[in-house]
């Protein structure tokens, strides 16, 4: 169907492209003001420390999207999972099945790595994505609430331990 479509693991030389795609995602999610990453931070995090992995989706040898993911762990299952931090397809390439191909690629990778599940978050206003995820068989976990300590809160709490 999409013989000119390819998914590949990102390499260090892709750092600028990854940042550009993250910037596009941040604009789409109306969160550009929260973007603090730069190429140096990404290079260190992704390729030196290997905190996360990135795949690049290409169509006709042009980047059309990406996914950034890492492993988490379920104590109840005693196995790791695959946590999808970002998935993004450029607007002009949406509706062609590329997102589904990325999810299938990640599901296959999760199976190969013996992951127990794959999880991600979605903004509650993003009905189009929610409907897409449900069409894949994903179920929303309405009984869970996400909590976050941002950098300032982390610093304050850490100071209390000294």
Protein backbone atom coordinates (compact mmCIF):
# COMPACT_ATOMS: atom_id res chain seq x y z
CA UNK A 1 0.00 0.00 0.00
CA UNK A 2 2.69 2.51 1.02
CA UNK A 3 5.75 1.17 -0.70
CA UNK A 4 7.50 4.56 -0.34
CA UNK A 5 6.90 4.60 3.43
CA UNK A 6 9.72 3.68 5.80
CA UNK A 7 10.31 3.67 9.55
CA UNK A 8 13.87 3.82 10.86
CA UNK A 9 15.60 4.36 14.18
CA UNK A 10 16.94 7.88 14.55
CA UNK A 11 20.67 8.49 14.56
CA UNK A 12 22.66 11.29 16.17
CA UNK A 13 22.75 13.17 12.86
CA UNK A 14 18.93 13.42 13.12
CA UNK A 15 19.03 15.55 16.28
CA UNK A 16 18.07 18.78 14.49
CA UNK A 17 15.20 17.03 12.69
CA UNK A 18 13.96 15.52 15.96
CA UNK A 19 13.94 18.96 17.58
CA UNK A 20 12.02 20.38 14.61
CA UNK A 21 9.41 17.63 14.84
CA UNK A 22 9.11 18.15 18.61
CA UNK A 23 8.61 21.87 17.97
CA UNK A 24 5.84 21.10 15.46
CA UNK A 25 4.17 18.79 17.98
CA UNK A 26 4.43 21.46 20.69
CA UNK A 27 2.77 23.98 18.36
CA UNK A 28 -0.01 21.51 17.55
CA UNK A 29 -0.57 20.81 21.25
CA UNK A 30 -0.56 24.56 22.02
CA UNK A 31 2.43 24.05 24.34
CA UNK A 32 5.28 25.73 22.46
CA UNK A 33 5.95 27.98 25.46
CA UNK A 34 6.87 24.83 27.46
CA UNK A 35 9.52 23.62 25.00
CA UNK A 36 12.93 23.87 26.65
CA UNK A 37 14.85 21.14 24.80
CA UNK A 38 17.58 22.10 22.37
CA UNK A 39 19.87 20.03 20.16
CA UNK A 40 22.54 19.64 22.87
CA UNK A 41 20.02 18.42 25.44
CA UNK A 42 18.48 15.99 22.96
CA UNK A 43 21.85 14.70 21.76
CA UNK A 44 22.95 14.01 25.33
CA UNK A 45 19.63 12.47 26.41
CA UNK A 46 18.94 10.36 23.33
CA UNK A 47 22.34 9.36 22.03
CA UNK A 48 24.81 9.67 24.91
CA UNK A 49 22.69 8.50 27.87
CA UNK A 50 20.11 6.65 25.74
CA UNK A 51 17.25 7.79 27.99
CA UNK A 52 14.76 7.25 25.17
CA UNK A 53 14.59 6.07 21.58
CA UNK A 54 13.22 7.77 18.49
CA UNK A 55 11.90 6.38 15.26
CA UNK A 56 11.51 8.54 12.17
CA UNK A 57 8.73 7.90 9.64
CA UNK A 58 9.59 8.78 6.06
CA UNK A 59 7.55 8.93 2.88
CA UNK A 60 9.33 9.38 -0.44
CA UNK A 61 12.53 9.82 1.62
CA UNK A 62 11.04 12.86 3.42
CA UNK A 63 10.43 12.91 7.18
CA UNK A 64 6.69 12.84 7.85
CA UNK A 65 6.63 12.06 11.57
CA UNK A 66 8.28 10.51 14.57
CA UNK A 67 7.72 8.64 17.79
CA UNK A 68 9.77 8.95 20.98
CA UNK A 69 9.50 6.16 23.53
CA UNK A 70 11.24 4.48 26.45
CA UNK A 71 10.70 1.53 28.77
CA UNK A 72 8.83 1.69 32.04
CA UNK A 73 8.15 -1.16 34.45
CA UNK A 74 5.02 -2.73 35.93
CA UNK A 75 5.60 -4.14 39.39
CA UNK A 76 2.26 -5.97 39.23
CA UNK A 77 3.19 -7.74 36.00
CA UNK A 78 6.89 -7.98 36.80
CA UNK A 79 7.74 -6.85 33.28
CA UNK A 80 8.73 -3.76 31.44
CA UNK A 81 6.41 -1.87 29.15
CA UNK A 82 6.87 0.52 26.30
CA UNK A 83 5.90 4.10 27.11
CA UNK A 84 5.16 6.30 24.12
CA UNK A 85 6.01 9.87 25.04
CA UNK A 86 5.38 11.41 21.61
CA UNK A 87 3.85 10.41 18.33
CA UNK A 88 3.48 13.00 15.61
CA UNK A 89 2.58 12.97 11.94
CA UNK A 90 2.91 16.21 9.99
CA UNK A 91 -0.58 17.54 9.12
CA UNK A 92 -0.20 17.18 5.36
CA UNK A 93 0.51 13.44 5.78
CA UNK A 94 -2.32 12.58 8.18
CA UNK A 95 -5.10 10.27 7.11
CA UNK A 96 -2.82 8.03 5.04
CA UNK A 97 -2.38 5.26 7.61
CA UNK A 98 1.11 6.33 8.68
CA UNK A 99 0.13 6.67 12.35
CA UNK A 100 -1.27 3.13 12.30
CA UNK A 101 1.99 1.90 10.75
CA UNK A 102 4.00 3.58 13.52
CA UNK A 103 1.81 1.96 16.18
CA UNK A 104 2.17 -1.44 14.48
CA UNK A 105 5.95 -0.98 14.37
CA UNK A 106 6.02 -0.12 18.08
CA UNK A 107 3.68 -3.00 18.96
CA UNK A 108 6.00 -5.38 17.12
CA UNK A 109 9.01 -3.90 18.92
CA UNK A 110 7.22 -4.25 22.27
CA UNK A 111 6.49 -7.90 21.47
CA UNK A 112 10.13 -8.54 20.46
CA UNK A 113 11.33 -6.94 23.69
CA UNK A 114 8.83 -8.95 25.76
CA UNK A 115 6.99 -5.87 27.02
CA UNK A 116 3.75 -6.44 28.87
CA UNK A 117 1.99 -3.38 27.46
CA UNK A 118 2.29 -0.05 25.71
CA UNK A 119 0.98 3.15 27.25
CA UNK A 120 0.78 6.84 26.42
CA UNK A 121 -1.13 9.99 27.33
CA UNK A 122 -3.34 12.15 25.16
CA UNK A 123 -4.68 15.64 25.78
CA UNK A 124 -8.37 15.40 26.64
CA UNK A 125 -9.36 17.92 23.94
CA UNK A 126 -7.75 15.86 21.16
CA UNK A 127 -10.87 13.91 20.14
CA UNK A 128 -9.46 12.95 16.74
CA UNK A 129 -6.47 11.20 18.35
CA UNK A 130 -8.62 9.63 21.07
CA UNK A 131 -10.91 8.14 18.44
CA UNK A 132 -7.88 6.88 16.50
CA UNK A 133 -6.38 5.23 19.60
CA UNK A 134 -9.68 3.55 20.42
CA UNK A 135 -9.84 2.22 16.84
CA UNK A 136 -6.52 0.48 17.55
CA UNK A 137 -8.03 -1.29 20.56
CA UNK A 138 -6.56 1.06 23.18
CA UNK A 139 -8.63 1.73 26.26
CA UNK A 140 -8.60 4.95 28.31
CA UNK A 141 -7.63 4.55 31.95
CA UNK A 142 -10.14 6.95 33.47
CA UNK A 143 -9.52 5.73 37.02
CA UNK A 144 -5.93 7.06 37.06
CA UNK A 145 -4.88 10.68 37.66
CA UNK A 146 -1.51 11.91 36.51
CA UNK A 147 0.60 13.83 39.02
CA UNK A 148 3.71 15.82 38.22
CA UNK A 149 6.45 17.51 40.17
CA UNK A 150 7.98 20.12 37.85
CA UNK A 151 11.60 21.19 38.15
CA UNK A 152 10.92 23.86 40.79
CA UNK A 153 8.84 21.47 42.90
CA UNK A 154 11.54 18.79 42.56
CA UNK A 155 14.20 21.23 43.72
CA UNK A 156 12.15 22.36 46.73
CA UNK A 157 11.38 18.79 47.75
CA UNK A 158 14.99 17.69 47.27
CA UNK A 159 16.16 20.60 49.45
CA UNK A 160 14.01 19.22 52.28
CA UNK A 161 16.02 16.01 52.24
CA UNK A 162 19.30 17.78 52.99
